[in-house]
Protein backbone atom coordinates (compact mmCIF):
# COMPACT_ATOMS: atom_id res chain seq x y z
CA MET A 1 -2.71 22.36 12.65
CA GLU A 2 1.00 20.65 12.36
CA LEU A 3 -0.43 16.82 11.70
CA SER A 4 2.29 16.19 14.55
CA ASN A 5 0.41 17.25 17.48
CA LEU A 6 -1.78 14.51 16.67
CA ASN A 7 0.49 12.18 17.40
CA ILE A 8 -0.45 10.73 13.77
CA LYS A 9 3.49 9.67 12.59
CA ASN A 10 4.29 7.11 9.48
CA GLY A 11 0.38 8.13 8.29
CA LEU A 12 -1.49 8.03 5.38
CA CYS A 13 -4.83 9.35 6.38
CA ILE A 14 -7.62 8.93 3.85
CA SER A 15 -11.57 9.74 4.30
CA LEU A 16 -14.56 7.79 2.74
CA GLY A 17 -17.93 9.76 2.09
CA ALA A 18 -21.47 8.59 0.24
CA ASN A 19 -24.56 9.91 0.06
CA ILE A 20 -26.27 8.63 -3.01
CA ASP A 21 -26.28 5.54 -4.11
CA SER A 22 -23.43 3.61 -6.11
CA LYS A 23 -23.69 1.01 -9.24
CA PHE A 24 -23.51 -1.66 -6.29
CA GLY A 25 -25.77 -0.25 -3.57
CA SER A 26 -26.42 2.42 -1.06
CA PRO A 27 -23.96 3.97 0.59
CA LEU A 28 -23.70 1.08 3.57
CA GLU A 29 -22.74 -1.44 0.12
CA SER A 30 -20.62 0.91 -1.40
CA PHE A 31 -18.56 0.60 1.56
CA LEU A 32 -19.03 -2.34 2.11
CA LEU A 33 -17.56 -2.86 -1.58
CA CYS A 34 -14.52 -0.33 -1.91
CA LYS A 35 -12.57 -1.06 2.25
CA PRO A 36 -11.03 -3.93 0.31
CA LYS A 37 -10.55 -2.90 -2.90
CA LEU A 38 -8.93 0.13 -1.69
CA GLU A 39 -6.87 -1.97 1.34
CA GLU A 40 -5.87 -3.73 -1.77
CA ILE A 41 -4.76 -0.13 -3.78
CA ILE A 42 -3.13 1.28 -1.07
CA LYS A 43 -0.95 -1.91 -1.07
CA VAL A 44 0.32 -1.85 -4.71
CA TRP A 45 0.90 1.78 -5.16
CA GLY A 46 3.41 0.77 -2.14
CA ASP A 47 4.45 -1.48 -3.48
CA GLU A 48 4.87 0.52 -7.19
CA SER A 49 6.24 3.16 -5.38
CA ASN A 50 8.84 2.23 -3.04
CA THR A 51 12.18 1.85 -5.50
CA LYS A 52 13.71 0.57 -2.01
CA HIS A 53 11.98 -2.48 -2.21
CA GLU A 54 13.15 -6.10 -2.67
CA GLU A 55 12.30 -8.12 -5.98
CA ASN A 56 8.69 -9.56 -4.98
CA LYS A 57 8.70 -8.45 -1.29
CA LYS A 58 5.04 -7.34 -0.50
CA SER A 59 5.19 -4.04 1.62
CA LYS A 60 3.13 -4.68 4.89
CA ALA A 61 0.55 -1.84 5.82
CA SER A 62 -1.56 -1.85 8.99
CA PHE A 63 -5.31 0.04 8.10
CA LEU A 64 -7.00 1.33 11.03
CA TRP A 65 -10.70 2.31 9.98
CA SER A 66 -12.54 3.98 12.13
CA SER A 67 -16.79 3.45 12.57
CA ILE A 68 -19.26 4.37 9.72
CA TYR A 69 -21.02 8.02 11.47
CA GLU A 70 -23.85 9.45 9.85
CA THR A 71 -23.90 13.15 8.91
CA SER A 72 -25.62 15.68 7.33
CA PRO A 73 -24.78 17.62 4.33
CA HIS A 74 -21.49 20.54 5.02
CA GLY A 75 -21.68 23.11 2.92
CA VAL A 76 -24.82 22.25 0.81
CA GLU A 77 -26.86 25.10 -1.42
CA HIS A 78 -29.46 22.59 -1.44
CA GLU A 79 -31.16 19.61 0.22
CA GLN A 80 -29.41 16.45 -0.34
CA PRO A 81 -29.22 13.00 1.85
CA ASN A 82 -27.23 12.37 4.65
CA TYR A 83 -23.98 10.91 4.03
CA LEU A 84 -21.86 7.80 5.64
CA ASN A 85 -18.42 8.85 6.33
CA THR A 86 -15.24 6.94 7.34
CA LEU A 87 -11.35 6.99 7.52
CA VAL A 88 -8.13 4.94 7.87
CA LEU A 89 -5.98 5.46 8.41
CA VAL A 90 -2.77 3.58 7.15
CA LYS A 91 0.42 2.83 9.02
CA SER A 92 3.61 0.57 7.17
CA ASN A 93 7.04 1.43 6.97
CA ASP A 94 7.83 0.16 3.87
CA PHE A 95 5.86 2.70 1.95
CA PRO A 96 7.66 5.64 -0.06
CA LYS A 97 9.21 7.93 0.94
CA PRO A 98 6.31 11.28 0.64
CA SER A 99 5.73 13.30 -2.09
CA THR A 100 4.01 15.32 -4.48
CA LYS A 101 4.37 12.79 -7.56
CA ASN A 102 3.39 10.08 -4.97
CA ALA A 103 0.89 11.45 -3.60
CA LYS A 104 -0.87 12.22 -7.11
CA LEU A 105 -0.17 8.63 -8.42
CA LEU A 106 -2.15 7.31 -5.23
CA LEU A 107 -4.55 10.26 -6.13
CA LYS A 108 -4.94 8.93 -9.49
CA LYS A 109 -5.91 5.66 -8.26
CA LEU A 110 -8.57 5.95 -6.00
CA LYS A 111 -10.15 9.02 -9.11
CA LYS A 112 -10.22 5.65 -10.93
CA LEU A 113 -11.90 3.84 -7.85
CA GLU A 114 -14.30 6.47 -7.28
CA TYR A 115 -15.48 6.11 -11.43
CA PHE A 116 -15.78 2.70 -10.91
CA PHE A 117 -18.51 3.03 -8.61
CA GLY A 118 -20.23 5.49 -11.02
CA ARG A 119 -19.39 8.62 -9.17
CA GLU A 120 -19.29 10.96 -12.51
CA LYS A 121 -17.42 14.38 -13.02
CA THR A 122 -18.13 17.12 -10.83
CA PRO A 123 -18.51 20.14 -13.37
CA ARG A 124 -16.34 22.81 -13.14
CA GLY A 125 -17.36 25.39 -10.66
CA GLU A 126 -19.72 23.15 -8.55
CA LYS A 127 -18.97 21.69 -4.67
CA TRP A 128 -19.80 19.46 -2.76
CA LEU A 129 -22.85 17.91 -5.11
CA SER A 130 -24.14 14.60 -3.80
CA ARG A 131 -21.72 11.40 -4.07
CA CYS A 132 -22.00 7.76 -4.47
CA LEU A 133 -17.97 7.51 -3.20
CA ASP A 134 -15.74 10.89 -2.56
CA LEU A 135 -12.12 9.49 -1.97
CA ASP A 136 -10.20 12.12 -0.06
CA ILE A 137 -6.24 12.21 0.72
CA LEU A 138 -6.52 13.85 3.93
CA TRP A 139 -2.83 13.86 4.91
CA TRP A 140 0.03 11.82 4.11
CA GLU A 141 2.73 11.82 7.54
CA ASP A 142 4.35 15.45 6.58
CA LEU A 143 4.30 15.81 3.30
CA HIS A 144 2.86 19.78 2.89
CA THR A 145 1.94 20.05 -1.34
CA ILE A 146 -0.69 22.91 -2.33
CA ASP A 147 -1.93 22.87 -6.36
CA GLU A 148 -4.72 22.99 -8.02
CA GLU A 149 -5.30 18.66 -8.16
CA LEU A 150 -3.75 18.26 -4.43
CA ALA A 151 -3.49 19.75 -1.19
CA LEU A 152 -2.02 18.15 1.58
CA PRO A 153 -2.81 18.45 4.00
CA HIS A 154 -6.19 18.44 3.44
CA PRO A 155 -6.80 21.86 4.07
CA ARG A 156 -10.09 21.55 5.93
CA PHE A 157 -9.74 18.58 7.55
CA MET A 158 -9.86 19.92 11.27
CA ASN A 159 -12.95 21.98 10.51
CA ARG A 160 -14.73 19.00 9.42
CA ASN A 161 -16.85 16.64 12.31
CA PHE A 162 -16.78 14.32 10.09
CA VAL A 163 -13.47 13.78 9.46
CA ILE A 164 -12.39 14.43 13.27
CA THR A 165 -14.86 12.49 15.24
CA PRO A 166 -13.32 9.29 13.09
CA LEU A 167 -9.60 9.98 13.49
CA SER A 168 -10.83 10.75 17.29
CA GLU A 169 -11.78 7.12 17.72
CA ILE A 170 -8.43 5.70 15.18
CA LEU A 171 -6.32 7.98 17.79
CA SER A 172 -8.44 6.70 21.39
CA ARG A 173 -7.36 3.46 20.09
CA SER A 174 -3.67 3.23 20.71
CA GLN A 175 -3.41 5.70 23.45
CA LYS A 176 -4.77 4.95 27.00
CA ILE A 177 -7.02 7.70 27.75
CA ASN A 178 -9.44 8.18 30.74
CA LYS A 179 -12.21 10.87 31.48
CA PHE A 180 -11.12 12.40 34.94
CA ASP A 181 -14.06 12.68 37.39
CA ASN A 182 -13.98 15.12 39.99
CA GLN A 183 -16.86 17.09 41.61
CA ARG A 184 -15.36 20.37 41.10
CA TRP A 185 -15.26 19.95 37.60
CA SER A 186 -18.55 18.86 37.39
CA ILE A 187 -21.13 20.17 34.98
CA THR A 188 -24.58 20.71 36.12
């Protein structure tokens, strides 16, 4: 699906998930501590990656955070605790031009933040294990890239309710939406 069909422009979208305690506490406590750290990482990354910036000029970014949702684990083989999930849509006209190189620089910083919270490296071939913090870049504007390290847009984000529900919440804040009520359409 083209991201332009989702009314998303100048956007960088990152999902956060956790279903076990980090070294800082519960998934909720981890999110509360992670939120300002993630915003700062993105601001610094934007400044470092943008060659258009004038000396000492900081980039301006708006961070549109969704609510936090509790969801059952997706695609797991063994029983796990439920996840907390949220996402942030970052908009900025000051960001560097989307490129695989710049996206990988951000991904590296996100992985470093995950390990700071206590996430262990996932063994090769293992998927969908419990995590104290999972950060994924879902998309960055219209950047399309795929290799062993990074796939953008994230290939399965449109199939994940734990992404679609928070995303619809964020998008509905910027687009007027009213429920159309007509007796002839009522579901009985």
